[in-house]
Amino acid sequence: MAKDVIPLEELIENNGKGKPNITNNPEVSYEDGTIEIRCDSTIENATVSIKDKYDNTIYMTMGNIGNTPQQINIPEDVNDEKVSIEIITDDKAFKGEFLIEK
């Protein structure tokens, strides 16, 4: 299976902090049960939340997102369903959806 890029939709205005810098937007991809998150420049104090089709949180972490990819393994019991990912920073929030196929 090829790596799929997960398009992220920006959910919240940047709270009047000026025009957002596009290089600060995280990039998310999915391949064979693993989600990979990275960003060209470091995003500090980001919350990453992954939810199943019932809106139950199956993974959550807080930390920095940078140029070195952060890998998240989807639990084995999550399969053949739509999953969402949210990335929340100090001034932005992003959401994307993708299908888990195992």
PDB file of N, CA and C in Angstrom:
ATOM      1  N   MET A   1       0.839  -1.168   0.000  1.00  0.00           N
ATOM      2  CA  MET A   1       0.000   0.000   0.000  1.00  0.00           C
ATOM      3  C   MET A   1       0.893   1.243   0.000  1.00  0.00           C
ATOM      4  N   ALA A   2       0.568   2.202  -0.830  1.00  0.00           N
ATOM      5  CA  ALA A   2       1.346   3.437  -0.925  1.00  0.00           C
ATOM      6  C   ALA A   2       0.978   4.380   0.215  1.00  0.00           C
ATOM      7  N   LYS A   3       1.892   5.259   0.534  1.00  0.00           N
ATOM      8  CA  LYS A   3       1.653   6.242   1.585  1.00  0.00           C
ATOM      9  C   LYS A   3       0.616   7.244   1.099  1.00  0.00           C
ATOM     10  N   ASP A   4      -0.432   7.473   1.885  1.00  0.00           N
ATOM     11  CA  ASP A   4      -1.477   8.436   1.566  1.00  0.00           C
ATOM     12  C   ASP A   4      -1.243   9.706   2.362  1.00  0.00           C
ATOM     13  N   VAL A   5      -1.325  10.845   1.683  1.00  0.00           N
ATOM     14  CA  VAL A   5      -1.243  12.129   2.363  1.00  0.00           C
ATOM     15  C   VAL A   5      -2.642  12.468   2.848  1.00  0.00           C
ATOM     16  N   ILE A   6      -2.757  12.846   4.092  1.00  0.00           N
ATOM     17  CA  ILE A   6      -4.047  13.188   4.676  1.00  0.00           C
ATOM     18  C   ILE A   6      -4.206  14.702   4.612  1.00  0.00           C
ATOM     19  N   PRO A   7      -5.166  15.197   3.817  1.00  0.00           N
ATOM     20  CA  PRO A   7      -5.359  16.646   3.762  1.00  0.00           C
ATOM     21  C   PRO A   7      -5.933  17.150   5.082  1.00  0.00           C
ATOM     22  N   LEU A   8      -5.384  18.238   5.575  1.00  0.00           N
ATOM     23  CA  LEU A   8      -5.842  18.830   6.827  1.00  0.00           C
ATOM     24  C   LEU A   8      -6.603  20.108   6.531  1.00  0.00           C
ATOM     25  N   GLU A   9      -7.728  20.267   7.187  1.00  0.00           N
ATOM     26  CA  GLU A   9      -8.530  21.470   7.071  1.00  0.00           C
ATOM     27  C   GLU A   9      -8.265  22.323   8.300  1.00  0.00           C
ATOM     28  N   GLU A  10      -7.977  23.611   8.083  1.00  0.00           N
ATOM     29  CA  GLU A  10      -7.762  24.494   9.229  1.00  0.00           C
ATOM     30  C   GLU A  10      -9.116  24.841   9.822  1.00  0.00           C
ATOM     31  N   LEU A  11      -9.290  24.619  11.112  1.00  0.00           N
ATOM     32  CA  LEU A  11     -10.588  24.775  11.758  1.00  0.00           C
ATOM     33  C   LEU A  11     -10.805  26.131  12.409  1.00  0.00           C
ATOM     34  N   ILE A  12      -9.763  26.720  12.933  1.00  0.00           N
ATOM     35  CA  ILE A  12      -9.910  27.939  13.729  1.00  0.00           C
ATOM     36  C   ILE A  12      -9.097  29.058  13.091  1.00  0.00           C
ATOM     37  N   GLU A  13      -9.666  30.261  13.114  1.00  0.00           N
ATOM     38  CA  GLU A  13      -8.890  31.417  12.672  1.00  0.00           C
ATOM     39  C   GLU A  13      -7.660  31.531  13.556  1.00  0.00           C
ATOM     40  N   ASN A  14      -6.681  32.257  13.087  1.00  0.00           N
ATOM     41  CA  ASN A  14      -5.431  32.325  13.840  1.00  0.00           C
ATOM     42  C   ASN A  14      -5.479  33.378  14.945  1.00  0.00           C
ATOM     43  N   ASN A  15      -6.659  33.624  15.480  1.00  0.00           N
ATOM     44  CA  ASN A  15      -6.866  34.475  16.659  1.00  0.00           C
ATOM     45  C   ASN A  15      -6.225  35.858  16.540  1.00  0.00           C
ATOM     46  N   GLY A  16      -6.271  36.444  15.344  1.00  0.00           N
ATOM     47  CA  GLY A  16      -5.781  37.793  15.149  1.00  0.00           C
ATOM     48  C   GLY A  16      -4.287  37.949  15.263  1.00  0.00           C
ATOM     49  N   LYS A  17      -3.533  36.880  15.152  1.00  0.00           N
ATOM     50  CA  LYS A  17      -2.081  36.960  15.309  1.00  0.00           C
ATOM     51  C   LYS A  17      -1.378  37.205  13.985  1.00  0.00           C
ATOM     52  N   GLY A  18      -2.072  37.787  13.026  1.00  0.00           N
ATOM     53  CA  GLY A  18      -1.454  38.038  11.727  1.00  0.00           C
ATOM     54  C   GLY A  18      -1.690  36.887  10.779  1.00  0.00           C
ATOM     55  N   LYS A  19      -1.228  37.055   9.565  1.00  0.00           N
ATOM     56  CA  LYS A  19      -1.419  36.022   8.552  1.00  0.00           C
ATOM     57  C   LYS A  19      -0.598  34.788   8.926  1.00  0.00           C
ATOM     58  N   PRO A  20      -1.230  33.602   8.947  1.00  0.00           N
ATOM     59  CA  PRO A  20      -0.474  32.404   9.325  1.00  0.00           C
ATOM     60  C   PRO A  20       0.590  32.062   8.304  1.00  0.00           C
ATOM     61  N   ASN A  21       1.691  31.518   8.778  1.00  0.00           N
ATOM     62  CA  ASN A  21       2.788  31.097   7.915  1.00  0.00           C
ATOM     63  C   ASN A  21       2.514  29.672   7.461  1.00  0.00           C
ATOM     64  N   ILE A  22       2.384  29.470   6.160  1.00  0.00           N
ATOM     65  CA  ILE A  22       2.020  28.163   5.623  1.00  0.00           C
ATOM     66  C   ILE A  22       3.042  27.088   5.982  1.00  0.00           C
ATOM     67  N   THR A  23       4.299  27.465   6.216  1.00  0.00           N
ATOM     68  CA  THR A  23       5.303  26.458   6.569  1.00  0.00           C
ATOM     69  C   THR A  23       5.091  25.915   7.978  1.00  0.00           C
ATOM     70  N   ASN A  24       4.253  26.581   8.773  1.00  0.00           N
ATOM     71  CA  ASN A  24       3.963  26.083  10.111  1.00  0.00           C
ATOM     72  C   ASN A  24       2.810  25.092  10.134  1.00  0.00           C
ATOM     73  N   ASN A  25       2.287  24.730   8.964  1.00  0.00           N
ATOM     74  CA  ASN A  25       1.209  23.759   8.911  1.00  0.00           C
ATOM     75  C   ASN A  25       1.785  22.354   8.897  1.00  0.00           C
ATOM     76  N   PRO A  26       1.280  21.488   9.768  1.00  0.00           N
ATOM     77  CA  PRO A  26       1.794  20.118   9.816  1.00  0.00           C
ATOM     78  C   PRO A  26       1.400  19.317   8.580  1.00  0.00           C
ATOM     79  N   GLU A  27       2.225  18.325   8.251  1.00  0.00           N
ATOM     80  CA  GLU A  27       1.935  17.399   7.161  1.00  0.00           C
ATOM     81  C   GLU A  27       1.680  16.035   7.786  1.00  0.00           C
ATOM     82  N   VAL A  28       0.608  15.383   7.363  1.00  0.00           N
ATOM     83  CA  VAL A  28       0.233  14.088   7.921  1.00  0.00           C
ATOM     84  C   VAL A  28       0.085  13.086   6.790  1.00  0.00           C
ATOM     85  N   SER A  29       0.641  11.894   6.985  1.00  0.00           N
ATOM     86  CA  SER A  29       0.478  10.820   6.002  1.00  0.00           C
ATOM     87  C   SER A  29       0.168   9.521   6.737  1.00  0.00           C
ATOM     88  N   TYR A  30      -0.356   8.558   5.993  1.00  0.00           N
ATOM     89  CA  TYR A  30      -0.742   7.275   6.575  1.00  0.00           C
ATOM     90  C   TYR A  30      -0.309   6.149   5.652  1.00  0.00           C
ATOM     91  N   GLU A  31       0.283   5.106   6.237  1.00  0.00           N
ATOM     92  CA  GLU A  31       0.672   3.927   5.468  1.00  0.00           C
ATOM     93  C   GLU A  31       0.734   2.716   6.393  1.00  0.00           C
ATOM     94  N   ASP A  32       0.046   1.658   6.009  1.00  0.00           N
ATOM     95  CA  ASP A  32       0.132   0.361   6.699  1.00  0.00           C
ATOM     96  C   ASP A  32       0.014   0.448   8.222  1.00  0.00           C
ATOM     97  N   GLY A  33      -1.015   1.134   8.712  1.00  0.00           N
ATOM     98  CA  GLY A  33      -1.251   1.186  10.146  1.00  0.00           C
ATOM     99  C   GLY A  33      -0.438   2.209  10.909  1.00  0.00           C
ATOM    100  N   THR A  34       0.347   3.031  10.203  1.00  0.00           N
ATOM    101  CA  THR A  34       1.180   4.036  10.862  1.00  0.00           C
ATOM    102  C   THR A  34       0.872   5.424  10.314  1.00  0.00           C
ATOM    103  N   ILE A  35       0.624   6.357  11.214  1.00  0.00           N
ATOM    104  CA  ILE A  35       0.445   7.764  10.856  1.00  0.00           C
ATOM    105  C   ILE A  35       1.775   8.456  11.088  1.00  0.00           C
ATOM    106  N   GLU A  36       2.149   9.332  10.170  1.00  0.00           N
ATOM    107  CA  GLU A  36       3.394  10.088  10.292  1.00  0.00           C
ATOM    108  C   GLU A  36       3.053  11.574  10.246  1.00  0.00           C
ATOM    109  N   ILE A  37       3.556  12.322  11.226  1.00  0.00           N
ATOM    110  CA  ILE A  37       3.321  13.764  11.326  1.00  0.00           C
ATOM    111  C   ILE A  37       4.664  14.465  11.324  1.00  0.00           C
ATOM    112  N   ARG A  38       4.767  15.538  10.533  1.00  0.00           N
ATOM    113  CA  ARG A  38       5.994  16.333  10.513  1.00  0.00           C
ATOM    114  C   ARG A  38       5.631  17.767  10.128  1.00  0.00           C
ATOM    115  N   CYS A  39       6.583  18.663  10.294  1.00  0.00           N
ATOM    116  CA  CYS A  39       6.408  20.060   9.916  1.00  0.00           C
ATOM    117  C   CYS A  39       7.776  20.630   9.567  1.00  0.00           C
ATOM    118  N   ASP A  40       7.828  21.525   8.578  1.00  0.00           N
ATOM    119  CA  ASP A  40       9.105  22.114   8.166  1.00  0.00           C
ATOM    120  C   ASP A  40       9.769  22.895   9.291  1.00  0.00           C
ATOM    121  N   SER A  41       8.964  23.596  10.082  1.00  0.00           N
ATOM    122  CA  SER A  41       9.508  24.291  11.246  1.00  0.00           C
ATOM    123  C   SER A  41       8.813  23.742  12.486  1.00  0.00           C
ATOM    124  N   THR A  42       9.418  23.895  13.633  1.00  0.00           N
ATOM    125  CA  THR A  42       8.894  23.282  14.854  1.00  0.00           C
ATOM    126  C   THR A  42       7.620  23.968  15.327  1.00  0.00           C
ATOM    127  N   ILE A  43       6.619  23.156  15.620  1.00  0.00           N
ATOM    128  CA  ILE A  43       5.396  23.620  16.269  1.00  0.00           C
ATOM    129  C   ILE A  43       5.483  23.131  17.709  1.00  0.00           C
ATOM    130  N   GLU A  44       5.484  24.064  18.646  1.00  0.00           N
ATOM    131  CA  GLU A  44       5.615  23.700  20.053  1.00  0.00           C
ATOM    132  C   GLU A  44       4.246  23.495  20.693  1.00  0.00           C
ATOM    133  N   ASN A  45       4.208  22.610  21.664  1.00  0.00           N
ATOM    134  CA  ASN A  45       3.014  22.372  22.482  1.00  0.00           C
ATOM    135  C   ASN A  45       1.774  22.023  21.660  1.00  0.00           C
ATOM    136  N   ALA A  46       1.917  21.135  20.705  1.00  0.00           N
ATOM    137  CA  ALA A  46       0.781  20.686  19.897  1.00  0.00           C
ATOM    138  C   ALA A  46       0.112  19.492  20.571  1.00  0.00           C
ATOM    139  N   THR A  47      -1.196  19.453  20.492  1.00  0.00           N
ATOM    140  CA  THR A  47      -1.956  18.300  20.956  1.00  0.00           C
ATOM    141  C   THR A  47      -2.423  17.527  19.735  1.00  0.00           C
ATOM    142  N   VAL A  48      -2.095  16.244  19.675  1.00  0.00           N
ATOM    143  CA  VAL A  48      -2.514  15.375  18.579  1.00  0.00           C
ATOM    144  C   VAL A  48      -3.527  14.397  19.146  1.00  0.00           C
ATOM    145  N   SER A  49      -4.699  14.357  18.525  1.00  0.00           N
ATOM    146  CA  SER A  49      -5.766  13.473  18.972  1.00  0.00           C
ATOM    147  C   SER A  49      -6.270  12.671  17.778  1.00  0.00           C
ATOM    148  N   ILE A  50      -6.364  11.355  17.941  1.00  0.00           N
ATOM    149  CA  ILE A  50      -6.887  10.485  16.893  1.00  0.00           C
ATOM    150  C   ILE A  50      -8.135   9.816  17.445  1.00  0.00           C
ATOM    151  N   LYS A  51      -9.226   9.879  16.655  1.00  0.00           N
ATOM    152  CA  LYS A  51     -10.509   9.338  17.110  1.00  0.00           C
ATOM    153  C   LYS A  51     -11.049   8.335  16.105  1.00  0.00           C
ATOM    154  N   ASP A  52     -11.776   7.342  16.633  1.00  0.00           N
ATOM    155  CA  ASP A  52     -12.382   6.346  15.756  1.00  0.00           C
ATOM    156  C   ASP A  52     -13.712   6.869  15.207  1.00  0.00           C
ATOM    157  N   LYS A  53     -14.411   6.018  14.454  1.00  0.00           N
ATOM    158  CA  LYS A  53     -15.654   6.445  13.807  1.00  0.00           C
ATOM    159  C   LYS A  53     -16.760   6.770  14.807  1.00  0.00           C
ATOM    160  N   TYR A  54     -16.615   6.345  16.053  1.00  0.00           N
ATOM    161  CA  TYR A  54     -17.597   6.644  17.098  1.00  0.00           C
ATOM    162  C   TYR A  54     -17.206   7.877  17.912  1.00  0.00           C
ATOM    163  N   ASP A  55     -16.158   8.566  17.478  1.00  0.00           N
ATOM    164  CA  ASP A  55     -15.628   9.757  18.136  1.00  0.00           C
ATOM    165  C   ASP A  55     -14.953   9.442  19.474  1.00  0.00           C
ATOM    166  N   ASN A  56     -14.561   8.190  19.670  1.00  0.00           N
ATOM    167  CA  ASN A  56     -13.784   7.804  20.851  1.00  0.00           C
ATOM    168  C   ASN A  56     -12.309   8.070  20.586  1.00  0.00           C
ATOM    169  N   THR A  57     -11.621   8.643  21.546  1.00  0.00           N
ATOM    170  CA  THR A  57     -10.193   8.906  21.401  1.00  0.00           C
ATOM    171  C   THR A  57      -9.428   7.593  21.503  1.00  0.00           C
ATOM    172  N   ILE A  58      -8.649   7.286  20.451  1.00  0.00           N
ATOM    173  CA  ILE A  58      -7.841   6.065  20.473  1.00  0.00           C
ATOM    174  C   ILE A  58      -6.362   6.383  20.674  1.00  0.00           C
ATOM    175  N   TYR A  59      -5.998   7.664  20.551  1.00  0.00           N
ATOM    176  CA  TYR A  59      -4.610   8.078  20.788  1.00  0.00           C
ATOM    177  C   TYR A  59      -4.610   9.572  21.065  1.00  0.00           C
ATOM    178  N   MET A  60      -3.829   9.998  22.044  1.00  0.00           N
ATOM    179  CA  MET A  60      -3.670  11.428  22.312  1.00  0.00           C
ATOM    180  C   MET A  60      -2.283  11.658  22.885  1.00  0.00           C
ATOM    181  N   THR A  61      -1.646  12.716  22.412  1.00  0.00           N
ATOM    182  CA  THR A  61      -0.334  13.084  22.924  1.00  0.00           C
ATOM    183  C   THR A  61      -0.168  14.593  22.820  1.00  0.00           C
ATOM    184  N   MET A  62       0.736  15.127  23.617  1.00  0.00           N
ATOM    185  CA  MET A  62       1.096  16.541  23.556  1.00  0.00           C
ATOM    186  C   MET A  62       2.601  16.628  23.400  1.00  0.00           C
ATOM    187  N   GLY A  63       3.045  17.594  22.613  1.00  0.00           N
ATOM    188  CA  GLY A  63       4.475  17.781  22.435  1.00  0.00           C
ATOM    189  C   GLY A  63       4.767  18.618  21.211  1.00  0.00           C
ATOM    190  N   ASN A  64       6.012  18.594  20.805  1.00  0.00           N
ATOM    191  CA  ASN A  64       6.446  19.374  19.653  1.00  0.00           C
ATOM    192  C   ASN A  64       6.376  18.539  18.382  1.00  0.00           C
ATOM    193  N   ILE A  65       6.056  19.203  17.276  1.00  0.00           N
ATOM    194  CA  ILE A  65       6.081  18.580  15.955  1.00  0.00           C
ATOM    195  C   ILE A  65       7.157  19.296  15.166  1.00  0.00           C
ATOM    196  N   GLY A  66       8.086  18.541  14.621  1.00  0.00           N
ATOM    197  CA  GLY A  66       9.189  19.149  13.885  1.00  0.00           C
ATOM    198  C   GLY A  66       9.488  18.419  12.600  1.00  0.00           C
ATOM    199  N   ASN A  67      10.676  18.663  12.080  1.00  0.00           N
ATOM    200  CA  ASN A  67      11.092  18.098  10.802  1.00  0.00           C
ATOM    201  C   ASN A  67      11.312  16.587  10.874  1.00  0.00           C
ATOM    202  N   THR A  68      11.670  16.071  12.050  1.00  0.00           N
ATOM    203  CA  THR A  68      11.805  14.627  12.221  1.00  0.00           C
ATOM    204  C   THR A  68      10.407  14.039  12.388  1.00  0.00           C
ATOM    205  N   PRO A  69      10.001  13.121  11.522  1.00  0.00           N
ATOM    206  CA  PRO A  69       8.633  12.594  11.576  1.00  0.00           C
ATOM    207  C   PRO A  69       8.312  11.913  12.905  1.00  0.00           C
ATOM    208  N   GLN A  70       7.129  12.203  13.407  1.00  0.00           N
ATOM    209  CA  GLN A  70       6.594  11.537  14.592  1.00  0.00           C
ATOM    210  C   GLN A  70       5.685  10.425  14.082  1.00  0.00           C
ATOM    211  N   GLN A  71       5.920   9.192  14.495  1.00  0.00           N
ATOM    212  CA  GLN A  71       5.124   8.067  14.016  1.00  0.00           C
ATOM    213  C   GLN A  71       4.183   7.575  15.105  1.00  0.00           C
ATOM    214  N   ILE A  72       2.936   7.322  14.695  1.00  0.00           N
ATOM    215  CA  ILE A  72       1.906   6.834  15.599  1.00  0.00           C
ATOM    216  C   ILE A  72       1.339   5.554  14.997  1.00  0.00           C
ATOM    217  N   ASN A  73       1.384   4.471  15.745  1.00  0.00           N
ATOM    218  CA  ASN A  73       0.814   3.207  15.280  1.00  0.00           C
ATOM    219  C   ASN A  73      -0.644   3.109  15.707  1.00  0.00           C
ATOM    220  N   ILE A  74      -1.511   2.808  14.740  1.00  0.00           N
ATOM    221  CA  ILE A  74      -2.930   2.633  15.022  1.00  0.00           C
ATOM    222  C   ILE A  74      -3.124   1.261  15.678  1.00  0.00           C
ATOM    223  N   PRO A  75      -3.913   1.180  16.763  1.00  0.00           N
ATOM    224  CA  PRO A  75      -4.137  -0.112  17.414  1.00  0.00           C
ATOM    225  C   PRO A  75      -4.694  -1.159  16.445  1.00  0.00           C
ATOM    226  N   GLU A  76      -4.315  -2.408  16.656  1.00  0.00           N
ATOM    227  CA  GLU A  76      -4.710  -3.516  15.773  1.00  0.00           C
ATOM    228  C   GLU A  76      -6.220  -3.684  15.660  1.00  0.00           C
ATOM    229  N   ASP A  77      -6.962  -3.378  16.727  1.00  0.00           N
ATOM    230  CA  ASP A  77      -8.407  -3.601  16.691  1.00  0.00           C
ATOM    231  C   ASP A  77      -9.172  -2.520  15.931  1.00  0.00           C
ATOM    232  N   VAL A  78      -8.497  -1.489  15.456  1.00  0.00           N
ATOM    233  CA  VAL A  78      -9.123  -0.452  14.630  1.00  0.00           C
ATOM    234  C   VAL A  78      -8.847  -0.813  13.181  1.00  0.00           C
ATOM    235  N   ASN A  79      -9.891  -1.221  12.470  1.00  0.00           N
ATOM    236  CA  ASN A  79      -9.697  -1.576  11.067  1.00  0.00           C
ATOM    237  C   ASN A  79     -10.961  -1.319  10.263  1.00  0.00           C
ATOM    238  N   ASP A  80     -10.765  -1.104   8.987  1.00  0.00           N
ATOM    239  CA  ASP A  80     -11.851  -0.860   8.042  1.00  0.00           C
ATOM    240  C   ASP A  80     -12.838   0.190   8.542  1.00  0.00           C
ATOM    241  N   GLU A  81     -12.330   1.302   8.978  1.00  0.00           N
ATOM    242  CA  GLU A  81     -13.204   2.377   9.418  1.00  0.00           C
ATOM    243  C   GLU A  81     -12.543   3.734   9.221  1.00  0.00           C
ATOM    244  N   LYS A  82     -13.399   4.764   9.212  1.00  0.00           N
ATOM    245  CA  LYS A  82     -12.911   6.125   9.075  1.00  0.00           C
ATOM    246  C   LYS A  82     -12.386   6.605  10.420  1.00  0.00           C
ATOM    247  N   VAL A  83     -11.220   7.214  10.390  1.00  0.00           N
ATOM    248  CA  VAL A  83     -10.563   7.722  11.586  1.00  0.00           C
ATOM    249  C   VAL A  83     -10.279   9.201  11.360  1.00  0.00           C
ATOM    250  N   SER A  84     -10.357  10.002  12.419  1.00  0.00           N
ATOM    251  CA  SER A  84     -10.041  11.427  12.283  1.00  0.00           C
ATOM    252  C   SER A  84      -8.818  11.763  13.122  1.00  0.00           C
ATOM    253  N   ILE A  85      -8.101  12.786  12.679  1.00  0.00           N
ATOM    254  CA  ILE A  85      -6.949  13.287  13.421  1.00  0.00           C
ATOM    255  C   ILE A  85      -7.136  14.785  13.604  1.00  0.00           C
ATOM    256  N   GLU A  86      -6.884  15.263  14.807  1.00  0.00           N
ATOM    257  CA  GLU A  86      -6.908  16.689  15.104  1.00  0.00           C
ATOM    258  C   GLU A  86      -5.555  17.078  15.665  1.00  0.00           C
ATOM    259  N   ILE A  87      -5.052  18.194  15.177  1.00  0.00           N
ATOM    260  CA  ILE A  87      -3.808  18.760  15.690  1.00  0.00           C
ATOM    261  C   ILE A  87      -4.142  20.170  16.146  1.00  0.00           C
ATOM    262  N   ILE A  88      -3.974  20.430  17.432  1.00  0.00           N
ATOM    263  CA  ILE A  88      -4.322  21.729  17.997  1.00  0.00           C
ATOM    264  C   ILE A  88      -3.053  22.377  18.522  1.00  0.00           C
ATOM    265  N   THR A  89      -2.808  23.612  18.078  1.00  0.00           N
ATOM    266  CA  THR A  89      -1.651  24.377  18.520  1.00  0.00           C
ATOM    267  C   THR A  89      -2.147  25.592  19.298  1.00  0.00           C
ATOM    268  N   ASP A  90      -1.227  26.470  19.697  1.00  0.00           N
ATOM    269  CA  ASP A  90      -1.622  27.658  20.452  1.00  0.00           C
ATOM    270  C   ASP A  90      -2.590  28.548  19.684  1.00  0.00           C
ATOM    271  N   ASP A  91      -2.454  28.606  18.353  1.00  0.00           N
ATOM    272  CA  ASP A  91      -3.280  29.533  17.591  1.00  0.00           C
ATOM    273  C   ASP A  91      -4.008  28.915  16.398  1.00  0.00           C
ATOM    274  N   LYS A  92      -3.906  27.612  16.210  1.00  0.00           N
ATOM    275  CA  LYS A  92      -4.560  26.967  15.076  1.00  0.00           C
ATOM    276  C   LYS A  92      -5.058  25.586  15.475  1.00  0.00           C
ATOM    277  N   ALA A  93      -6.001  25.099  14.688  1.00  0.00           N
ATOM    278  CA  ALA A  93      -6.439  23.708  14.838  1.00  0.00           C
ATOM    279  C   ALA A  93      -6.657  23.142  13.445  1.00  0.00           C
ATOM    280  N   PHE A  94      -6.263  21.897  13.252  1.00  0.00           N
ATOM    281  CA  PHE A  94      -6.390  21.225  11.964  1.00  0.00           C
ATOM    282  C   PHE A  94      -7.101  19.902  12.180  1.00  0.00           C
ATOM    283  N   LYS A  95      -7.872  19.490  11.176  1.00  0.00           N
ATOM    284  CA  LYS A  95      -8.545  18.200  11.257  1.00  0.00           C
ATOM    285  C   LYS A  95      -8.486  17.527   9.901  1.00  0.00           C
ATOM    286  N   GLY A  96      -8.281  16.224   9.916  1.00  0.00           N
ATOM    287  CA  GLY A  96      -8.292  15.432   8.696  1.00  0.00           C
ATOM    288  C   GLY A  96      -8.926  14.081   8.971  1.00  0.00           C
ATOM    289  N   GLU A  97      -9.426  13.437   7.910  1.00  0.00           N
ATOM    290  CA  GLU A  97     -10.030  12.115   8.044  1.00  0.00           C
ATOM    291  C   GLU A  97      -9.405  11.173   7.039  1.00  0.00           C
ATOM    292  N   PHE A  98      -9.332   9.899   7.398  1.00  0.00           N
ATOM    293  CA  PHE A  98      -8.782   8.901   6.490  1.00  0.00           C
ATOM    294  C   PHE A  98      -9.383   7.550   6.831  1.00  0.00           C
ATOM    295  N   LEU A  99      -9.234   6.598   5.924  1.00  0.00           N
ATOM    296  CA  LEU A  99      -9.803   5.272   6.092  1.00  0.00           C
ATOM    297  C   LEU A  99      -8.710   4.283   6.447  1.00  0.00           C
ATOM    298  N   ILE A 100      -8.938   3.533   7.523  1.00  0.00           N
ATOM    299  CA  ILE A 100      -8.025   2.462   7.924  1.00  0.00           C
ATOM    300  C   ILE A 100      -8.444   1.205   7.178  1.00  0.00           C
ATOM    301  N   GLU A 101      -7.521   0.622   6.438  1.00  0.00           N
ATOM    302  CA  GLU A 101      -7.790  -0.630   5.735  1.00  0.00           C
ATOM    303  C   GLU A 101      -6.693  -1.614   6.095  1.00  0.00           C
ATOM    304  N   LYS A 102      -7.062  -2.689   6.764  1.00  0.00           N
ATOM    305  CA  LYS A 102      -6.070  -3.689   7.170  1.00  0.00           C
ATOM    306  C   LYS A 102      -6.436  -5.025   6.583  1.00  0.00           C
TER     307      LYS A 102
END
